[in-house]
PDB file of all heavy atoms in Angstrom:
ATOM      1  N   ASP A   1      -3.995 -36.227 -23.318  1.00  0.00           N
ATOM      2  CA  ASP A   1      -3.648 -37.534 -23.872  1.00  0.00           C
ATOM      3  C   ASP A   1      -4.769 -38.135 -24.754  1.00  0.00           C
ATOM      4  O   ASP A   1      -4.571 -39.217 -25.298  1.00  0.00           O
ATOM      5  CB  ASP A   1      -3.216 -38.557 -22.770  1.00  0.00           C
ATOM      6  CG  ASP A   1      -2.012 -38.041 -22.063  1.00  0.00           C
ATOM      7  OD1 ASP A   1      -1.134 -37.400 -22.640  1.00  0.00           O
ATOM      8  OD2 ASP A   1      -1.880 -38.280 -20.808  1.00  0.00           O
ATOM      9  N   GLU A   2      -5.856 -37.435 -24.859  1.00  0.00           N
ATOM     10  CA  GLU A   2      -7.003 -37.964 -25.622  1.00  0.00           C
ATOM     11  C   GLU A   2      -7.165 -37.411 -27.004  1.00  0.00           C
ATOM     12  O   GLU A   2      -8.044 -37.711 -27.736  1.00  0.00           O
ATOM     13  CB  GLU A   2      -8.299 -37.774 -24.839  1.00  0.00           C
ATOM     14  CG  GLU A   2      -8.282 -38.506 -23.467  1.00  0.00           C
ATOM     15  CD  GLU A   2      -9.508 -38.205 -22.637  1.00  0.00           C
ATOM     16  OE1 GLU A   2     -10.551 -37.838 -23.202  1.00  0.00           O
ATOM     17  OE2 GLU A   2      -9.408 -38.316 -21.407  1.00  0.00           O
ATOM     18  N   GLY A   3      -6.233 -36.480 -27.411  1.00  0.00           N
ATOM     19  CA  GLY A   3      -6.323 -35.875 -28.751  1.00  0.00           C
ATOM     20  C   GLY A   3      -7.039 -34.575 -28.675  1.00  0.00           C
ATOM     21  O   GLY A   3      -7.465 -34.074 -27.632  1.00  0.00           O
ATOM     22  N   PRO A   4      -7.299 -34.014 -29.898  1.00  0.00           N
ATOM     23  CA  PRO A   4      -7.980 -32.704 -29.938  1.00  0.00           C
ATOM     24  C   PRO A   4      -9.370 -32.740 -29.333  1.00  0.00           C
ATOM     25  O   PRO A   4     -10.044 -33.730 -29.377  1.00  0.00           O
ATOM     26  CB  PRO A   4      -8.074 -32.467 -31.472  1.00  0.00           C
ATOM     27  CG  PRO A   4      -6.961 -33.234 -32.057  1.00  0.00           C
ATOM     28  CD  PRO A   4      -6.890 -34.492 -31.220  1.00  0.00           C
ATOM     29  N   VAL A   5      -9.729 -31.597 -28.721  1.00  0.00           N
ATOM     30  CA  VAL A   5     -11.039 -31.487 -28.031  1.00  0.00           C
ATOM     31  C   VAL A   5     -11.855 -30.402 -28.752  1.00  0.00           C
ATOM     32  O   VAL A   5     -11.350 -29.321 -29.066  1.00  0.00           O
ATOM     33  CB  VAL A   5     -10.818 -31.095 -26.580  1.00  0.00           C
ATOM     34  CG1 VAL A   5     -12.166 -30.927 -25.879  1.00  0.00           C
ATOM     35  CG2 VAL A   5      -9.964 -32.109 -25.820  1.00  0.00           C
ATOM     36  N   LEU A   6     -13.098 -30.803 -29.037  1.00  0.00           N
ATOM     37  CA  LEU A   6     -13.977 -29.820 -29.720  1.00  0.00           C
ATOM     38  C   LEU A   6     -14.324 -28.600 -28.820  1.00  0.00           C
ATOM     39  O   LEU A   6     -14.507 -28.775 -27.620  1.00  0.00           O
ATOM     40  CB  LEU A   6     -15.280 -30.476 -30.127  1.00  0.00           C
ATOM     41  CG  LEU A   6     -15.194 -31.589 -31.195  1.00  0.00           C
ATOM     42  CD1 LEU A   6     -16.513 -32.316 -31.290  1.00  0.00           C
ATOM     43  CD2 LEU A   6     -14.729 -31.039 -32.515  1.00  0.00           C
ATOM     44  N   ILE A   7     -14.467 -27.445 -29.483  1.00  0.00           N
ATOM     45  CA  ILE A   7     -14.843 -26.245 -28.722  1.00  0.00           C
ATOM     46  C   ILE A   7     -16.179 -26.463 -28.034  1.00  0.00           C
ATOM     47  O   ILE A   7     -16.340 -26.054 -26.886  1.00  0.00           O
ATOM     48  CB  ILE A   7     -14.912 -25.017 -29.709  1.00  0.00           C
ATOM     49  CG1 ILE A   7     -13.558 -24.707 -30.280  1.00  0.00           C
ATOM     50  CG2 ILE A   7     -15.462 -23.810 -28.975  1.00  0.00           C
ATOM     51  CD1 ILE A   7     -13.579 -23.623 -31.353  1.00  0.00           C
ATOM     52  N   ALA A   8     -17.126 -27.086 -28.669  1.00  0.00           N
ATOM     53  CA  ALA A   8     -18.429 -27.281 -28.105  1.00  0.00           C
ATOM     54  C   ALA A   8     -18.405 -28.149 -26.837  1.00  0.00           C
ATOM     55  O   ALA A   8     -19.125 -27.869 -25.890  1.00  0.00           O
ATOM     56  CB  ALA A   8     -19.382 -28.019 -29.156  1.00  0.00           C
ATOM     57  N   GLU A   9     -17.461 -29.081 -26.790  1.00  0.00           N
ATOM     58  CA  GLU A   9     -17.321 -29.908 -25.556  1.00  0.00           C
ATOM     59  C   GLU A   9     -16.777 -29.093 -24.434  1.00  0.00           C
ATOM     60  O   GLU A   9     -17.276 -29.127 -23.294  1.00  0.00           O
ATOM     61  CB  GLU A   9     -16.337 -31.081 -25.879  1.00  0.00           C
ATOM     62  CG  GLU A   9     -16.097 -31.964 -24.663  1.00  0.00           C
ATOM     63  CD  GLU A   9     -15.086 -33.051 -24.880  1.00  0.00           C
ATOM     64  OE1 GLU A   9     -14.914 -33.456 -26.055  1.00  0.00           O
ATOM     65  OE2 GLU A   9     -14.469 -33.515 -23.936  1.00  0.00           O
ATOM     66  N   ILE A  10     -15.788 -28.282 -24.712  1.00  0.00           N
ATOM     67  CA  ILE A  10     -15.231 -27.401 -23.666  1.00  0.00           C
ATOM     68  C   ILE A  10     -16.321 -26.436 -23.146  1.00  0.00           C
ATOM     69  O   ILE A  10     -16.499 -26.227 -21.980  1.00  0.00           O
ATOM     70  CB  ILE A  10     -13.972 -26.603 -24.176  1.00  0.00           C
ATOM     71  CG1 ILE A  10     -12.888 -27.556 -24.675  1.00  0.00           C
ATOM     72  CG2 ILE A  10     -13.452 -25.668 -23.039  1.00  0.00           C
ATOM     73  CD1 ILE A  10     -11.812 -26.860 -25.481  1.00  0.00           C
ATOM     74  N   SER A  11     -17.009 -25.829 -24.126  1.00  0.00           N
ATOM     75  CA  SER A  11     -18.041 -24.845 -23.798  1.00  0.00           C
ATOM     76  C   SER A  11     -19.059 -25.488 -22.858  1.00  0.00           C
ATOM     77  O   SER A  11     -19.504 -24.889 -21.844  1.00  0.00           O
ATOM     78  CB  SER A  11     -18.717 -24.332 -25.089  1.00  0.00           C
ATOM     79  OG  SER A  11     -19.807 -23.543 -24.799  1.00  0.00           O
ATOM     80  N   LYS A  12     -19.572 -26.683 -23.219  1.00  0.00           N
ATOM     81  CA  LYS A  12     -20.604 -27.316 -22.439  1.00  0.00           C
ATOM     82  C   LYS A  12     -20.096 -27.800 -21.050  1.00  0.00           C
ATOM     83  O   LYS A  12     -20.777 -27.557 -20.061  1.00  0.00           O
ATOM     84  CB  LYS A  12     -21.092 -28.569 -23.260  1.00  0.00           C
ATOM     85  CG  LYS A  12     -22.222 -29.282 -22.553  1.00  0.00           C
ATOM     86  CD  LYS A  12     -22.722 -30.447 -23.418  1.00  0.00           C
ATOM     87  CE  LYS A  12     -23.821 -31.177 -22.693  1.00  0.00           C
ATOM     88  NZ  LYS A  12     -24.262 -32.380 -23.414  1.00  0.00           N
ATOM     89  N   LYS A  13     -18.913 -28.450 -21.096  1.00  0.00           N
ATOM     90  CA  LYS A  13     -18.395 -28.997 -19.746  1.00  0.00           C
ATOM     91  C   LYS A  13     -18.008 -27.871 -18.790  1.00  0.00           C
ATOM     92  O   LYS A  13     -18.170 -28.047 -17.578  1.00  0.00           O
ATOM     93  CB  LYS A  13     -17.196 -29.873 -20.054  1.00  0.00           C
ATOM     94  CG  LYS A  13     -17.542 -31.142 -20.827  1.00  0.00           C
ATOM     95  CD  LYS A  13     -18.260 -32.153 -20.000  1.00  0.00           C
ATOM     96  CE  LYS A  13     -18.400 -33.408 -20.785  1.00  0.00           C
ATOM     97  NZ  LYS A  13     -19.141 -34.410 -20.085  1.00  0.00           N
ATOM     98  N   LYS A  14     -17.507 -26.777 -19.322  1.00  0.00           N
ATOM     99  CA  LYS A  14     -17.016 -25.716 -18.439  1.00  0.00           C
ATOM    100  C   LYS A  14     -17.977 -24.497 -18.322  1.00  0.00           C
ATOM    101  O   LYS A  14     -17.657 -23.511 -17.707  1.00  0.00           O
ATOM    102  CB  LYS A  14     -15.598 -25.229 -18.911  1.00  0.00           C
ATOM    103  CG  LYS A  14     -14.576 -26.283 -18.759  1.00  0.00           C
ATOM    104  CD  LYS A  14     -14.635 -26.880 -17.312  1.00  0.00           C
ATOM    105  CE  LYS A  14     -13.438 -27.412 -16.732  1.00  0.00           C
ATOM    106  NZ  LYS A  14     -13.601 -27.778 -15.341  1.00  0.00           N
ATOM    107  N   LYS A  15     -19.139 -24.606 -19.054  1.00  0.00           N
ATOM    108  CA  LYS A  15     -20.138 -23.581 -19.019  1.00  0.00           C
ATOM    109  C   LYS A  15     -19.567 -22.208 -19.441  1.00  0.00           C
ATOM    110  O   LYS A  15     -19.740 -21.212 -18.771  1.00  0.00           O
ATOM    111  CB  LYS A  15     -20.813 -23.516 -17.634  1.00  0.00           C
ATOM    112  CG  LYS A  15     -21.521 -24.781 -17.288  1.00  0.00           C
ATOM    113  CD  LYS A  15     -22.123 -24.671 -15.888  1.00  0.00           C
ATOM    114  CE  LYS A  15     -22.959 -25.872 -15.545  1.00  0.00           C
ATOM    115  NZ  LYS A  15     -22.374 -27.131 -15.522  1.00  0.00           N
ATOM    116  N   ILE A  16     -18.931 -22.192 -20.578  1.00  0.00           N
ATOM    117  CA  ILE A  16     -18.330 -20.999 -21.177  1.00  0.00           C
ATOM    118  C   ILE A  16     -19.113 -20.742 -22.451  1.00  0.00           C
ATOM    119  O   ILE A  16     -19.285 -21.595 -23.291  1.00  0.00           O
ATOM    120  CB  ILE A  16     -16.838 -21.202 -21.498  1.00  0.00           C
ATOM    121  CG1 ILE A  16     -15.995 -21.601 -20.238  1.00  0.00           C
ATOM    122  CG2 ILE A  16     -16.270 -19.945 -22.101  1.00  0.00           C
ATOM    123  CD1 ILE A  16     -14.618 -22.072 -20.563  1.00  0.00           C
ATOM    124  N   PRO A  17     -19.616 -19.456 -22.629  1.00  0.00           N
ATOM    125  CA  PRO A  17     -20.298 -19.163 -23.838  1.00  0.00           C
ATOM    126  C   PRO A  17     -19.453 -19.460 -25.089  1.00  0.00           C
ATOM    127  O   PRO A  17     -18.275 -19.126 -25.155  1.00  0.00           O
ATOM    128  CB  PRO A  17     -20.608 -17.688 -23.737  1.00  0.00           C
ATOM    129  CG  PRO A  17     -20.606 -17.397 -22.242  1.00  0.00           C
ATOM    130  CD  PRO A  17     -19.595 -18.363 -21.722  1.00  0.00           C
ATOM    131  N   LEU A  18     -20.077 -20.178 -26.035  1.00  0.00           N
ATOM    132  CA  LEU A  18     -19.328 -20.676 -27.194  1.00  0.00           C
ATOM    133  C   LEU A  18     -18.612 -19.611 -27.994  1.00  0.00           C
ATOM    134  O   LEU A  18     -17.390 -19.740 -28.287  1.00  0.00           O
ATOM    135  CB  LEU A  18     -20.279 -21.436 -28.135  1.00  0.00           C
ATOM    136  CG  LEU A  18     -19.652 -22.158 -29.325  1.00  0.00           C
ATOM    137  CD1 LEU A  18     -18.679 -23.240 -28.839  1.00  0.00           C
ATOM    138  CD2 LEU A  18     -20.672 -22.757 -30.194  1.00  0.00           C
ATOM    139  N   LYS A  19     -19.281 -18.494 -28.333  1.00  0.00           N
ATOM    140  CA  LYS A  19     -18.641 -17.439 -29.114  1.00  0.00           C
ATOM    141  C   LYS A  19     -17.463 -16.836 -28.366  1.00  0.00           C
ATOM    142  O   LYS A  19     -16.448 -16.530 -28.948  1.00  0.00           O
ATOM    143  CB  LYS A  19     -19.656 -16.356 -29.516  1.00  0.00           C
ATOM    144  CG  LYS A  19     -20.597 -16.785 -30.622  1.00  0.00           C
ATOM    145  CD  LYS A  19     -19.810 -16.904 -31.911  1.00  0.00           C
ATOM    146  CE  LYS A  19     -20.749 -17.279 -33.038  1.00  0.00           C
ATOM    147  NZ  LYS A  19     -20.038 -17.642 -34.272  1.00  0.00           N
ATOM    148  N   PHE A  20     -17.680 -16.636 -27.108  1.00  0.00           N
ATOM    149  CA  PHE A  20     -16.568 -16.064 -26.264  1.00  0.00           C
ATOM    150  C   PHE A  20     -15.389 -17.053 -26.225  1.00  0.00           C
ATOM    151  O   PHE A  20     -14.215 -16.627 -26.383  1.00  0.00           O
ATOM    152  CB  PHE A  20     -17.120 -15.801 -24.869  1.00  0.00           C
ATOM    153  CG  PHE A  20     -16.376 -14.821 -24.004  1.00  0.00           C
ATOM    154  CD1 PHE A  20     -15.479 -13.939 -24.567  1.00  0.00           C
ATOM    155  CD2 PHE A  20     -16.609 -14.764 -22.682  1.00  0.00           C
ATOM    156  CE1 PHE A  20     -14.827 -13.027 -23.814  1.00  0.00           C
ATOM    157  CE2 PHE A  20     -15.946 -13.827 -21.895  1.00  0.00           C
ATOM    158  CZ  PHE A  20     -15.060 -12.950 -22.453  1.00  0.00           C
ATOM    159  N   LEU A  21     -15.673 -18.322 -26.066  1.00  0.00           N
ATOM    160  CA  LEU A  21     -14.636 -19.327 -26.039  1.00  0.00           C
ATOM    161  C   LEU A  21     -13.877 -19.402 -27.338  1.00  0.00           C
ATOM    162  O   LEU A  21     -12.662 -19.571 -27.339  1.00  0.00           O
ATOM    163  CB  LEU A  21     -15.227 -20.658 -25.655  1.00  0.00           C
ATOM    164  CG  LEU A  21     -14.238 -21.847 -25.549  1.00  0.00           C
ATOM    165  CD1 LEU A  21     -13.200 -21.565 -24.465  1.00  0.00           C
ATOM    166  CD2 LEU A  21     -15.008 -23.131 -25.258  1.00  0.00           C
ATOM    167  N   GLU A  22     -14.577 -19.292 -28.435  1.00  0.00           N
ATOM    168  CA  GLU A  22     -13.915 -19.326 -29.740  1.00  0.00           C
ATOM    169  C   GLU A  22     -12.811 -18.273 -29.868  1.00  0.00           C
ATOM    170  O   GLU A  22     -11.717 -18.518 -30.313  1.00  0.00           O
ATOM    171  CB  GLU A  22     -14.931 -19.153 -30.881  1.00  0.00           C
ATOM    172  CG  GLU A  22     -15.793 -20.344 -31.134  1.00  0.00           C
ATOM    173  CD  GLU A  22     -16.882 -20.081 -32.171  1.00  0.00           C
ATOM    174  OE1 GLU A  22     -17.086 -18.922 -32.563  1.00  0.00           O
ATOM    175  OE2 GLU A  22     -17.535 -21.068 -32.573  1.00  0.00           O
ATOM    176  N   ASN A  23     -13.136 -17.063 -29.408  1.00  0.00           N
ATOM    177  CA  ASN A  23     -12.164 -15.992 -29.470  1.00  0.00           C
ATOM    178  C   ASN A  23     -10.995 -16.207 -28.516  1.00  0.00           C
ATOM    179  O   ASN A  23      -9.857 -15.921 -28.829  1.00  0.00           O
ATOM    180  CB  ASN A  23     -12.871 -14.597 -29.115  1.00  0.00           C
ATOM    181  CG  ASN A  23     -13.802 -14.205 -30.237  1.00  0.00           C
ATOM    182  OD1 ASN A  23     -13.592 -14.451 -31.377  1.00  0.00           O
ATOM    183  ND2 ASN A  23     -14.875 -13.523 -29.834  1.00  0.00           N
ATOM    184  N   ILE A  24     -11.280 -16.712 -27.355  1.00  0.00           N
ATOM    185  CA  ILE A  24     -10.248 -16.981 -26.367  1.00  0.00           C
ATOM    186  C   ILE A  24      -9.272 -18.030 -26.906  1.00  0.00           C
ATOM    187  O   ILE A  24      -8.016 -17.870 -26.895  1.00  0.00           O
ATOM    188  CB  ILE A  24     -10.841 -17.477 -25.024  1.00  0.00           C
ATOM    189  CG1 ILE A  24     -11.567 -16.312 -24.348  1.00  0.00           C
ATOM    190  CG2 ILE A  24      -9.769 -18.032 -24.131  1.00  0.00           C
ATOM    191  CD1 ILE A  24     -12.444 -16.701 -23.165  1.00  0.00           C
ATOM    192  N   LEU A  25      -9.823 -19.141 -27.463  1.00  0.00           N
ATOM    193  CA  LEU A  25      -8.952 -20.197 -27.918  1.00  0.00           C
ATOM    194  C   LEU A  25      -8.128 -19.742 -29.126  1.00  0.00           C
ATOM    195  O   LEU A  25      -6.999 -20.143 -29.328  1.00  0.00           O
ATOM    196  CB  LEU A  25      -9.781 -21.433 -28.279  1.00  0.00           C
ATOM    197  CG  LEU A  25     -10.489 -22.086 -27.128  1.00  0.00           C
ATOM    198  CD1 LEU A  25     -11.317 -23.282 -27.591  1.00  0.00           C
ATOM    199  CD2 LEU A  25      -9.511 -22.503 -26.040  1.00  0.00           C
ATOM    200  N   LEU A  26      -8.722 -18.853 -29.931  1.00  0.00           N
ATOM    201  CA  LEU A  26      -8.008 -18.303 -31.108  1.00  0.00           C
ATOM    202  C   LEU A  26      -6.816 -17.479 -30.629  1.00  0.00           C
ATOM    203  O   LEU A  26      -5.720 -17.628 -31.143  1.00  0.00           O
ATOM    204  CB  LEU A  26      -8.931 -17.461 -31.983  1.00  0.00           C
ATOM    205  CG  LEU A  26      -8.369 -16.945 -33.290  1.00  0.00           C
ATOM    206  CD1 LEU A  26      -7.926 -18.106 -34.159  1.00  0.00           C
ATOM    207  CD2 LEU A  26      -9.391 -16.063 -34.001  1.00  0.00           C
ATOM    208  N   GLU A  27      -7.012 -16.713 -29.571  1.00  0.00           N
ATOM    209  CA  GLU A  27      -5.884 -15.912 -29.032  1.00  0.00           C
ATOM    210  C   GLU A  27      -4.808 -16.837 -28.480  1.00  0.00           C
ATOM    211  O   GLU A  27      -3.603 -16.537 -28.656  1.00  0.00           O
ATOM    212  CB  GLU A  27      -6.384 -14.975 -27.939  1.00  0.00           C
ATOM    213  CG  GLU A  27      -7.016 -13.692 -28.434  1.00  0.00           C
ATOM    214  CD  GLU A  27      -7.297 -12.721 -27.270  1.00  0.00           C
ATOM    215  OE1 GLU A  27      -6.393 -12.409 -26.541  1.00  0.00           O
ATOM    216  OE2 GLU A  27      -8.503 -12.343 -27.205  1.00  0.00           O
ATOM    217  N   LEU A  28      -5.237 -17.868 -27.803  1.00  0.00           N
ATOM    218  CA  LEU A  28      -4.238 -18.815 -27.246  1.00  0.00           C
ATOM    219  C   LEU A  28      -3.491 -19.553 -28.339  1.00  0.00           C
ATOM    220  O   LEU A  28      -2.304 -19.904 -28.194  1.00  0.00           O
ATOM    221  CB  LEU A  28      -4.914 -19.814 -26.308  1.00  0.00           C
ATOM    222  CG  LEU A  28      -5.473 -19.192 -25.006  1.00  0.00           C
ATOM    223  CD1 LEU A  28      -6.398 -20.169 -24.269  1.00  0.00           C
ATOM    224  CD2 LEU A  28      -4.372 -18.735 -24.083  1.00  0.00           C
ATOM    225  N   ARG A  29      -4.138 -19.758 -29.472  1.00  0.00           N
ATOM    226  CA  ARG A  29      -3.501 -20.419 -30.607  1.00  0.00           C
ATOM    227  C   ARG A  29      -2.509 -19.449 -31.227  1.00  0.00           C
ATOM    228  O   ARG A  29      -1.344 -19.860 -31.525  1.00  0.00           O
ATOM    229  CB  ARG A  29      -4.538 -20.872 -31.633  1.00  0.00           C
ATOM    230  CG  ARG A  29      -3.929 -21.784 -32.679  1.00  0.00           C
ATOM    231  CD  ARG A  29      -4.989 -22.330 -33.611  1.00  0.00           C
ATOM    232  NE  ARG A  29      -4.561 -21.954 -34.965  1.00  0.00           N
ATOM    233  CZ  ARG A  29      -5.176 -21.217 -35.775  1.00  0.00           C
ATOM    234  NH1 ARG A  29      -6.330 -20.730 -35.513  1.00  0.00           N
ATOM    235  NH2 ARG A  29      -4.686 -20.939 -36.952  1.00  0.00           N
ATOM    236  N   LYS A  30      -2.898 -18.219 -31.432  1.00  0.00           N
ATOM    237  CA  LYS A  30      -1.951 -17.203 -31.967  1.00  0.00           C
ATOM    238  C   LYS A  30      -0.778 -16.975 -31.085  1.00  0.00           C
ATOM    239  O   LYS A  30       0.262 -16.671 -31.549  1.00  0.00           O
ATOM    240  CB  LYS A  30      -2.745 -15.907 -32.194  1.00  0.00           C
ATOM    241  CG  LYS A  30      -3.676 -15.907 -33.362  1.00  0.00           C
ATOM    242  CD  LYS A  30      -4.399 -14.578 -33.485  1.00  0.00           C
ATOM    243  CE  LYS A  30      -5.391 -14.605 -34.650  1.00  0.00           C
ATOM    244  NZ  LYS A  30      -6.147 -13.329 -34.750  1.00  0.00           N
ATOM    245  N   GLY A  31      -0.955 -17.177 -29.761  1.00  0.00           N
ATOM    246  CA  GLY A  31       0.101 -16.990 -28.812  1.00  0.00           C
ATOM    247  C   GLY A  31       1.020 -18.208 -28.686  1.00  0.00           C
ATOM    248  O   GLY A  31       1.951 -18.191 -27.903  1.00  0.00           O
ATOM    249  N   GLY A  32       0.716 -19.293 -29.399  1.00  0.00           N
ATOM    250  CA  GLY A  32       1.584 -20.421 -29.399  1.00  0.00           C
ATOM    251  C   GLY A  32       1.337 -21.386 -28.266  1.00  0.00           C
ATOM    252  O   GLY A  32       2.049 -22.361 -28.127  1.00  0.00           O
ATOM    253  N   VAL A  33       0.277 -21.175 -27.514  1.00  0.00           N
ATOM    254  CA  VAL A  33      -0.023 -22.079 -26.433  1.00  0.00           C
ATOM    255  C   VAL A  33      -0.817 -23.310 -26.928  1.00  0.00           C
ATOM    256  O   VAL A  33      -0.576 -24.446 -26.507  1.00  0.00           O
ATOM    257  CB  VAL A  33      -0.834 -21.354 -25.313  1.00  0.00           C
ATOM    258  CG1 VAL A  33      -1.311 -22.335 -24.215  1.00  0.00           C
ATOM    259  CG2 VAL A  33       0.011 -20.260 -24.699  1.00  0.00           C
ATOM    260  N   LEU A  34      -1.791 -23.034 -27.782  1.00  0.00           N
ATOM    261  CA  LEU A  34      -2.619 -24.108 -28.355  1.00  0.00           C
ATOM    262  C   LEU A  34      -2.372 -24.228 -29.879  1.00  0.00           C
ATOM    263  O   LEU A  34      -1.860 -23.385 -30.474  1.00  0.00           O
ATOM    264  CB  LEU A  34      -4.106 -23.791 -28.101  1.00  0.00           C
ATOM    265  CG  LEU A  34      -4.559 -23.690 -26.657  1.00  0.00           C
ATOM    266  CD1 LEU A  34      -6.035 -23.370 -26.592  1.00  0.00           C
ATOM    267  CD2 LEU A  34      -4.265 -24.986 -25.901  1.00  0.00           C
ATOM    268  N   ASP A  35      -2.806 -25.389 -30.344  1.00  0.00           N
ATOM    269  CA  ASP A  35      -2.856 -25.599 -31.806  1.00  0.00           C
ATOM    270  C   ASP A  35      -4.235 -26.209 -32.080  1.00  0.00           C
ATOM    271  O   ASP A  35      -4.980 -26.570 -31.165  1.00  0.00           O
ATOM    272  CB  ASP A  35      -1.770 -26.545 -32.219  1.00  0.00           C
ATOM    273  CG  ASP A  35      -1.389 -26.377 -33.657  1.00  0.00           C
ATOM    274  OD1 ASP A  35      -2.172 -25.696 -34.396  1.00  0.00           O
ATOM    275  OD2 ASP A  35      -0.385 -26.887 -34.130  1.00  0.00           O
ATOM    276  N   SER A  36      -4.588 -26.283 -33.306  1.00  0.00           N
ATOM    277  CA  SER A  36      -5.892 -26.853 -33.622  1.00  0.00           C
ATOM    278  C   SER A  36      -5.738 -27.713 -34.930  1.00  0.00           C
ATOM    279  O   SER A  36      -4.861 -27.601 -35.718  1.00  0.00           O
ATOM    280  CB  SER A  36      -6.932 -25.731 -33.882  1.00  0.00           C
ATOM    281  OG  SER A  36      -6.567 -24.956 -34.976  1.00  0.00           O
ATOM    282  N   LYS A  37      -6.757 -28.594 -35.036  1.00  0.00           N
ATOM    283  CA  LYS A  37      -6.841 -29.485 -36.179  1.00  0.00           C
ATOM    284  C   LYS A  37      -8.294 -29.397 -36.719  1.00  0.00           C
ATOM    285  O   LYS A  37      -9.231 -29.470 -35.942  1.00  0.00           O
ATOM    286  CB  LYS A  37      -6.517 -30.931 -35.789  1.00  0.00           C
ATOM    287  CG  LYS A  37      -6.578 -31.913 -36.896  1.00  0.00           C
ATOM    288  CD  LYS A  37      -6.311 -33.304 -36.354  1.00  0.00           C
ATOM    289  CE  LYS A  37      -6.547 -34.318 -37.463  1.00  0.00           C
ATOM    290  NZ  LYS A  37      -6.517 -35.678 -36.969  1.00  0.00           N
ATOM    291  N   LYS A  38      -8.390 -29.166 -38.000  1.00  0.00           N
ATOM    292  CA  LYS A  38      -9.738 -29.089 -38.627  1.00  0.00           C
ATOM    293  C   LYS A  38     -10.209 -30.525 -39.119  1.00  0.00           C
ATOM    294  O   LYS A  38      -9.405 -31.430 -39.234  1.00  0.00           O
ATOM    295  CB  LYS A  38      -9.668 -28.164 -39.842  1.00  0.00           C
ATOM    296  CG  LYS A  38      -9.413 -26.735 -39.460  1.00  0.00           C
ATOM    297  CD  LYS A  38      -9.468 -25.814 -40.667  1.00  0.00           C
ATOM    298  CE  LYS A  38      -9.189 -24.379 -40.199  1.00  0.00           C
ATOM    299  NZ  LYS A  38      -9.303 -23.413 -41.311  1.00  0.00           N
TER     300      LYS A  38
END
């Protein structure tokens, strides 16, 4: 309910390596689960 969340925030808060997370989120976007805003 707070709007789009930056990858860096997710990475930091959940202790997920940034580059790894970028690939995961991209797959989830391609799969129709997530969307993104630039």
